[in-house]
Amino acid sequence: LAASGTACLLAALVSALLDDGRIDEAAAVMQDYVGLRGPGWQLRAALIAVQQGQMEQARAVAADLKPENLPAEDRAWLYFLQGQLADAAGDLGRARGHYEEAQAAAGSETARSRFLLAREQARLRAGPADAGLLEEAKRNMERLQGRKAGYGFARTYATMLHALGRKSEAVAELQRQLLSLPAD
């Protein structure tokens, strides 16, 4: 999206909708936009395509994106997108690297937490959990308890427990998390 006031507001709206998991609404806002479809627009279009499972479309759009052509607040999202594409291609080592880049470039604690969660999920898919990773996941879950990213870490922590053969602990943690979910 371009640098105009309207474009900035639309970029923020699309980003918020994506963050809230409202992919179809974000896609509709993007389709209705009639301004310049620059790098910011392309980035959001690729992020939407990934969420919709349209990896080839996302790859095609992402191939033209360069960090230097994006505003600083969007660069972390480009690295995140690259991580998602590498993850989908099964290149988990490269995915983790992109997620770490995204985390380092993140402009907010919420974004940093989202990128950290994606990195941990890629690490979990790469192989069996060890005690150090398990403790790190638990610390992140506890640190972010009650926030959206905290629930993702709780899911990752429970998955790691299950992978280590500690199924009853995994179920107990998920039940504990369910009790603390907000009504909405």
C-alpha atoms as a PDB file:
ATOM      1  CA  LEU A   1       0.000   0.000   0.000  1.00  0.00           C
ATOM      2  CA  ALA A   2       1.186   3.508  -0.726  1.00  0.00           C
ATOM      3  CA  ALA A   3       2.195   6.189   1.750  1.00  0.00           C
ATOM      4  CA  SER A   4      -1.063   8.200   1.620  1.00  0.00           C
ATOM      5  CA  GLY A   5      -3.152   8.526   4.782  1.00  0.00           C
ATOM      6  CA  THR A   6      -5.899   6.303   3.393  1.00  0.00           C
ATOM      7  CA  ALA A   7      -3.398   3.693   2.245  1.00  0.00           C
ATOM      8  CA  CYS A   8      -1.695   3.694   5.662  1.00  0.00           C
ATOM      9  CA  LEU A   9      -5.032   3.174   7.399  1.00  0.00           C
ATOM     10  CA  LEU A  10      -5.952   0.367   5.006  1.00  0.00           C
ATOM     11  CA  ALA A  11      -2.549  -1.262   5.558  1.00  0.00           C
ATOM     12  CA  ALA A  12      -3.120  -1.092   9.309  1.00  0.00           C
ATOM     13  CA  LEU A  13      -6.625  -2.524   8.909  1.00  0.00           C
ATOM     14  CA  VAL A  14      -5.414  -5.426   6.751  1.00  0.00           C
ATOM     15  CA  SER A  15      -2.578  -6.109   9.200  1.00  0.00           C
ATOM     16  CA  ALA A  16      -4.993  -6.104  12.149  1.00  0.00           C
ATOM     17  CA  LEU A  17      -7.416  -8.424  10.349  1.00  0.00           C
ATOM     18  CA  LEU A  18      -4.570 -10.808   9.490  1.00  0.00           C
ATOM     19  CA  ASP A  19      -3.345 -10.732  13.076  1.00  0.00           C
ATOM     20  CA  ASP A  20      -6.850 -11.546  14.271  1.00  0.00           C
ATOM     21  CA  GLY A  21      -7.137 -14.490  11.862  1.00  0.00           C
ATOM     22  CA  ARG A  22      -9.839 -12.811   9.771  1.00  0.00           C
ATOM     23  CA  ILE A  23      -8.250 -13.749   6.460  1.00  0.00           C
ATOM     24  CA  ASP A  24     -11.326 -13.444   4.244  1.00  0.00           C
ATOM     25  CA  GLU A  25     -12.049  -9.940   5.538  1.00  0.00           C
ATOM     26  CA  ALA A  26      -8.415  -8.917   4.978  1.00  0.00           C
ATOM     27  CA  ALA A  27      -8.600 -10.279   1.422  1.00  0.00           C
ATOM     28  CA  ALA A  28     -11.820  -8.345   0.785  1.00  0.00           C
ATOM     29  CA  VAL A  29     -10.225  -5.071   1.965  1.00  0.00           C
ATOM     30  CA  MET A  30      -7.260  -5.739  -0.306  1.00  0.00           C
ATOM     31  CA  GLN A  31      -9.511  -6.415  -3.314  1.00  0.00           C
ATOM     32  CA  ASP A  32     -11.464  -3.208  -2.748  1.00  0.00           C
ATOM     33  CA  TYR A  33      -8.296  -1.077  -2.654  1.00  0.00           C
ATOM     34  CA  VAL A  34      -7.987   1.004  -5.846  1.00  0.00           C
ATOM     35  CA  GLY A  35      -4.704   2.803  -5.190  1.00  0.00           C
ATOM     36  CA  LEU A  36      -1.110   1.958  -6.073  1.00  0.00           C
ATOM     37  CA  ARG A  37      -0.376  -1.689  -5.357  1.00  0.00           C
ATOM     38  CA  GLY A  38       3.212  -1.273  -4.257  1.00  0.00           C
ATOM     39  CA  PRO A  39       5.453  -3.409  -2.059  1.00  0.00           C
ATOM     40  CA  GLY A  40       3.291  -3.000   1.078  1.00  0.00           C
ATOM     41  CA  TRP A  41       0.220  -4.181  -0.795  1.00  0.00           C
ATOM     42  CA  GLN A  42       2.165  -7.083  -2.321  1.00  0.00           C
ATOM     43  CA  LEU A  43       3.470  -8.140   1.085  1.00  0.00           C
ATOM     44  CA  ARG A  44      -0.040  -8.268   2.551  1.00  0.00           C
ATOM     45  CA  ALA A  45      -1.354 -10.061  -0.540  1.00  0.00           C
ATOM     46  CA  ALA A  46       1.342 -12.727  -0.121  1.00  0.00           C
ATOM     47  CA  LEU A  47       0.608 -13.086   3.614  1.00  0.00           C
ATOM     48  CA  ILE A  48      -3.075 -13.593   2.776  1.00  0.00           C
ATOM     49  CA  ALA A  49      -2.198 -16.119   0.062  1.00  0.00           C
ATOM     50  CA  VAL A  50      -0.145 -18.155   2.555  1.00  0.00           C
ATOM     51  CA  GLN A  51      -3.045 -18.181   5.024  1.00  0.00           C
ATOM     52  CA  GLN A  52      -5.349 -19.355   2.244  1.00  0.00           C
ATOM     53  CA  GLY A  53      -2.928 -22.151   1.318  1.00  0.00           C
ATOM     54  CA  GLN A  54      -2.038 -20.592  -2.039  1.00  0.00           C
ATOM     55  CA  MET A  55       1.706 -21.101  -1.712  1.00  0.00           C
ATOM     56  CA  GLU A  56       2.608 -20.747  -5.400  1.00  0.00           C
ATOM     57  CA  GLN A  57       0.812 -17.406  -5.591  1.00  0.00           C
ATOM     58  CA  ALA A  58       2.522 -16.275  -2.374  1.00  0.00           C
ATOM     59  CA  ARG A  59       5.937 -17.348  -3.701  1.00  0.00           C
ATOM     60  CA  ALA A  60       5.386 -15.475  -6.960  1.00  0.00           C
ATOM     61  CA  VAL A  61       4.463 -12.265  -5.147  1.00  0.00           C
ATOM     62  CA  ALA A  62       7.199 -12.647  -2.511  1.00  0.00           C
ATOM     63  CA  ALA A  63       9.905 -13.170  -5.142  1.00  0.00           C
ATOM     64  CA  ASP A  64       9.708  -9.479  -6.110  1.00  0.00           C
ATOM     65  CA  LEU A  65       9.777  -8.136  -2.549  1.00  0.00           C
ATOM     66  CA  LYS A  66      12.982  -6.635  -1.175  1.00  0.00           C
ATOM     67  CA  PRO A  67      13.408  -5.435   2.427  1.00  0.00           C
ATOM     68  CA  GLU A  68      14.827  -2.089   1.307  1.00  0.00           C
ATOM     69  CA  ASN A  69      11.622  -1.343  -0.642  1.00  0.00           C
ATOM     70  CA  LEU A  70       9.437  -1.737   2.442  1.00  0.00           C
ATOM     71  CA  PRO A  71       8.927   0.564   5.405  1.00  0.00           C
ATOM     72  CA  ALA A  72      10.849  -0.555   8.503  1.00  0.00           C
ATOM     73  CA  GLU A  73       7.671  -1.814  10.232  1.00  0.00           C
ATOM     74  CA  ASP A  74       6.932  -4.149   7.287  1.00  0.00           C
ATOM     75  CA  ARG A  75      10.390  -5.700   6.971  1.00  0.00           C
ATOM     76  CA  ALA A  76       9.841  -8.097   9.853  1.00  0.00           C
ATOM     77  CA  TRP A  77       6.676  -9.307   8.136  1.00  0.00           C
ATOM     78  CA  LEU A  78       8.630  -9.973   4.947  1.00  0.00           C
ATOM     79  CA  TYR A  79      11.045 -12.177   6.902  1.00  0.00           C
ATOM     80  CA  PHE A  80       8.058 -13.882   8.522  1.00  0.00           C
ATOM     81  CA  LEU A  81       6.551 -14.496   5.078  1.00  0.00           C
ATOM     82  CA  GLN A  82       9.853 -15.945   3.853  1.00  0.00           C
ATOM     83  CA  GLY A  83       9.876 -18.193   6.914  1.00  0.00           C
ATOM     84  CA  GLN A  84       6.353 -19.401   6.205  1.00  0.00           C
ATOM     85  CA  LEU A  85       7.254 -20.172   2.588  1.00  0.00           C
ATOM     86  CA  ALA A  86      10.417 -22.047   3.608  1.00  0.00           C
ATOM     87  CA  ASP A  87       8.393 -23.893   6.257  1.00  0.00           C
ATOM     88  CA  ALA A  88       5.788 -24.923   3.681  1.00  0.00           C
ATOM     89  CA  ALA A  89       8.575 -26.141   1.377  1.00  0.00           C
ATOM     90  CA  GLY A  90       9.952 -28.325   4.172  1.00  0.00           C
ATOM     91  CA  ASP A  91      13.143 -26.296   4.600  1.00  0.00           C
ATOM     92  CA  LEU A  92      12.806 -25.961   8.364  1.00  0.00           C
ATOM     93  CA  GLY A  93      16.354 -24.717   8.965  1.00  0.00           C
ATOM     94  CA  ARG A  94      15.886 -21.815   6.551  1.00  0.00           C
ATOM     95  CA  ALA A  95      12.428 -21.181   8.014  1.00  0.00           C
ATOM     96  CA  ARG A  96      13.868 -20.862  11.527  1.00  0.00           C
ATOM     97  CA  GLY A  97      16.479 -18.424  10.229  1.00  0.00           C
ATOM     98  CA  HIS A  98      13.832 -16.214   8.628  1.00  0.00           C
ATOM     99  CA  TYR A  99      11.709 -16.340  11.787  1.00  0.00           C
ATOM    100  CA  GLU A 100      14.740 -15.236  13.805  1.00  0.00           C
ATOM    101  CA  GLU A 101      15.283 -12.342  11.357  1.00  0.00           C
ATOM    102  CA  ALA A 102      11.624 -11.406  11.765  1.00  0.00           C
ATOM    103  CA  GLN A 103      11.929 -11.522  15.528  1.00  0.00           C
ATOM    104  CA  ALA A 104      15.017  -9.287  15.483  1.00  0.00           C
ATOM    105  CA  ALA A 105      13.303  -6.759  13.180  1.00  0.00           C
ATOM    106  CA  ALA A 106       9.943  -6.770  14.980  1.00  0.00           C
ATOM    107  CA  GLY A 107       8.575  -3.383  15.935  1.00  0.00           C
ATOM    108  CA  SER A 108       6.442  -4.563  18.855  1.00  0.00           C
ATOM    109  CA  GLU A 109       6.445  -7.169  21.589  1.00  0.00           C
ATOM    110  CA  THR A 110       3.309  -8.744  20.104  1.00  0.00           C
ATOM    111  CA  ALA A 111       4.960  -9.177  16.699  1.00  0.00           C
ATOM    112  CA  ARG A 112       8.156 -10.446  18.328  1.00  0.00           C
ATOM    113  CA  SER A 113       6.110 -13.046  20.239  1.00  0.00           C
ATOM    114  CA  ARG A 114       4.336 -14.168  17.064  1.00  0.00           C
ATOM    115  CA  PHE A 115       7.664 -14.614  15.255  1.00  0.00           C
ATOM    116  CA  LEU A 116       9.182 -16.436  18.231  1.00  0.00           C
ATOM    117  CA  LEU A 117       6.208 -18.784  18.278  1.00  0.00           C
ATOM    118  CA  ALA A 118       6.603 -19.499  14.556  1.00  0.00           C
ATOM    119  CA  ARG A 119      10.308 -20.210  15.090  1.00  0.00           C
ATOM    120  CA  GLU A 120       9.560 -22.597  17.938  1.00  0.00           C
ATOM    121  CA  GLN A 121       6.907 -24.395  15.925  1.00  0.00           C
ATOM    122  CA  ALA A 122       9.374 -24.842  13.052  1.00  0.00           C
ATOM    123  CA  ARG A 123      11.970 -26.120  15.508  1.00  0.00           C
ATOM    124  CA  LEU A 124       9.436 -28.559  16.931  1.00  0.00           C
ATOM    125  CA  ARG A 125       8.613 -29.889  13.469  1.00  0.00           C
ATOM    126  CA  ALA A 126      12.330 -30.317  12.739  1.00  0.00           C
ATOM    127  CA  GLY A 127      12.857 -32.992  15.334  1.00  0.00           C
ATOM    128  CA  PRO A 128      12.152 -34.333  18.783  1.00  0.00           C
ATOM    129  CA  ALA A 129      12.009 -31.890  21.644  1.00  0.00           C
ATOM    130  CA  ASP A 130      14.758 -31.850  24.228  1.00  0.00           C
ATOM    131  CA  ALA A 131      14.625 -30.684  27.841  1.00  0.00           C
ATOM    132  CA  GLY A 132      16.098 -27.250  27.025  1.00  0.00           C
ATOM    133  CA  LEU A 133      13.526 -26.547  24.336  1.00  0.00           C
ATOM    134  CA  LEU A 134      10.756 -27.775  26.605  1.00  0.00           C
ATOM    135  CA  GLU A 135      11.802 -25.395  29.384  1.00  0.00           C
ATOM    136  CA  GLU A 136      12.105 -22.499  26.937  1.00  0.00           C
ATOM    137  CA  ALA A 137       8.598 -23.185  25.609  1.00  0.00           C
ATOM    138  CA  LYS A 138       7.257 -23.330  29.166  1.00  0.00           C
ATOM    139  CA  ARG A 139       8.920 -20.011  30.084  1.00  0.00           C
ATOM    140  CA  ASN A 140       7.491 -18.339  26.975  1.00  0.00           C
ATOM    141  CA  MET A 141       4.024 -19.758  27.707  1.00  0.00           C
ATOM    142  CA  GLU A 142       4.145 -18.463  31.283  1.00  0.00           C
ATOM    143  CA  ARG A 143       5.576 -15.072  30.283  1.00  0.00           C
ATOM    144  CA  LEU A 144       2.803 -14.492  27.743  1.00  0.00           C
ATOM    145  CA  GLN A 145      -0.009 -16.110  29.713  1.00  0.00           C
ATOM    146  CA  GLY A 146      -3.386 -14.519  29.003  1.00  0.00           C
ATOM    147  CA  ARG A 147      -2.253 -13.031  25.701  1.00  0.00           C
ATOM    148  CA  LYS A 148      -2.953 -14.432  22.255  1.00  0.00           C
ATOM    149  CA  ALA A 149       0.665 -15.485  21.644  1.00  0.00           C
ATOM    150  CA  GLY A 150       0.705 -17.238  25.029  1.00  0.00           C
ATOM    151  CA  TYR A 151      -1.972 -19.655  23.860  1.00  0.00           C
ATOM    152  CA  GLY A 152       0.165 -20.573  20.869  1.00  0.00           C
ATOM    153  CA  PHE A 153       3.112 -21.271  23.158  1.00  0.00           C
ATOM    154  CA  ALA A 154       0.835 -23.352  25.392  1.00  0.00           C
ATOM    155  CA  ARG A 155      -0.132 -25.441  22.384  1.00  0.00           C
ATOM    156  CA  THR A 156       3.537 -25.823  21.413  1.00  0.00           C
ATOM    157  CA  TYR A 157       4.476 -26.759  24.991  1.00  0.00           C
ATOM    158  CA  ALA A 158       1.708 -29.370  25.137  1.00  0.00           C
ATOM    159  CA  THR A 159       2.796 -30.767  21.762  1.00  0.00           C
ATOM    160  CA  MET A 160       6.362 -31.058  23.013  1.00  0.00           C
ATOM    161  CA  LEU A 161       5.204 -32.840  26.170  1.00  0.00           C
ATOM    162  CA  HIS A 162       3.231 -35.257  24.021  1.00  0.00           C
ATOM    163  CA  ALA A 163       6.242 -35.853  21.735  1.00  0.00           C
ATOM    164  CA  LEU A 164       8.300 -36.719  24.818  1.00  0.00           C
ATOM    165  CA  GLY A 165       5.726 -39.329  25.845  1.00  0.00           C
ATOM    166  CA  ARG A 166       4.241 -37.177  28.617  1.00  0.00           C
ATOM    167  CA  LYS A 167       0.692 -37.306  27.271  1.00  0.00           C
ATOM    168  CA  SER A 168      -1.125 -36.875  30.602  1.00  0.00           C
ATOM    169  CA  GLU A 169       0.882 -33.705  31.353  1.00  0.00           C
ATOM    170  CA  ALA A 170       0.105 -32.389  27.864  1.00  0.00           C
ATOM    171  CA  VAL A 171      -3.625 -32.988  28.333  1.00  0.00           C
ATOM    172  CA  ALA A 172      -3.545 -31.409  31.802  1.00  0.00           C
ATOM    173  CA  GLU A 173      -1.811 -28.283  30.429  1.00  0.00           C
ATOM    174  CA  LEU A 174      -4.333 -27.919  27.617  1.00  0.00           C
ATOM    175  CA  GLN A 175      -7.206 -28.318  30.093  1.00  0.00           C
ATOM    176  CA  ARG A 176      -5.636 -25.650  32.322  1.00  0.00           C
ATOM    177  CA  GLN A 177      -5.328 -23.318  29.335  1.00  0.00           C
ATOM    178  CA  LEU A 178      -8.959 -23.917  28.345  1.00  0.00           C
ATOM    179  CA  LEU A 179     -10.094 -22.806  31.779  1.00  0.00           C
ATOM    180  CA  SER A 180      -8.249 -19.503  31.428  1.00  0.00           C
ATOM    181  CA  LEU A 181      -9.494 -18.615  27.923  1.00  0.00           C
ATOM    182  CA  PRO A 182     -11.529 -15.413  27.731  1.00  0.00           C
ATOM    183  CA  ALA A 183     -15.195 -15.891  26.849  1.00  0.00           C
ATOM    184  CA  ASP A 184     -14.778 -14.321  23.418  1.00  0.00           C
END
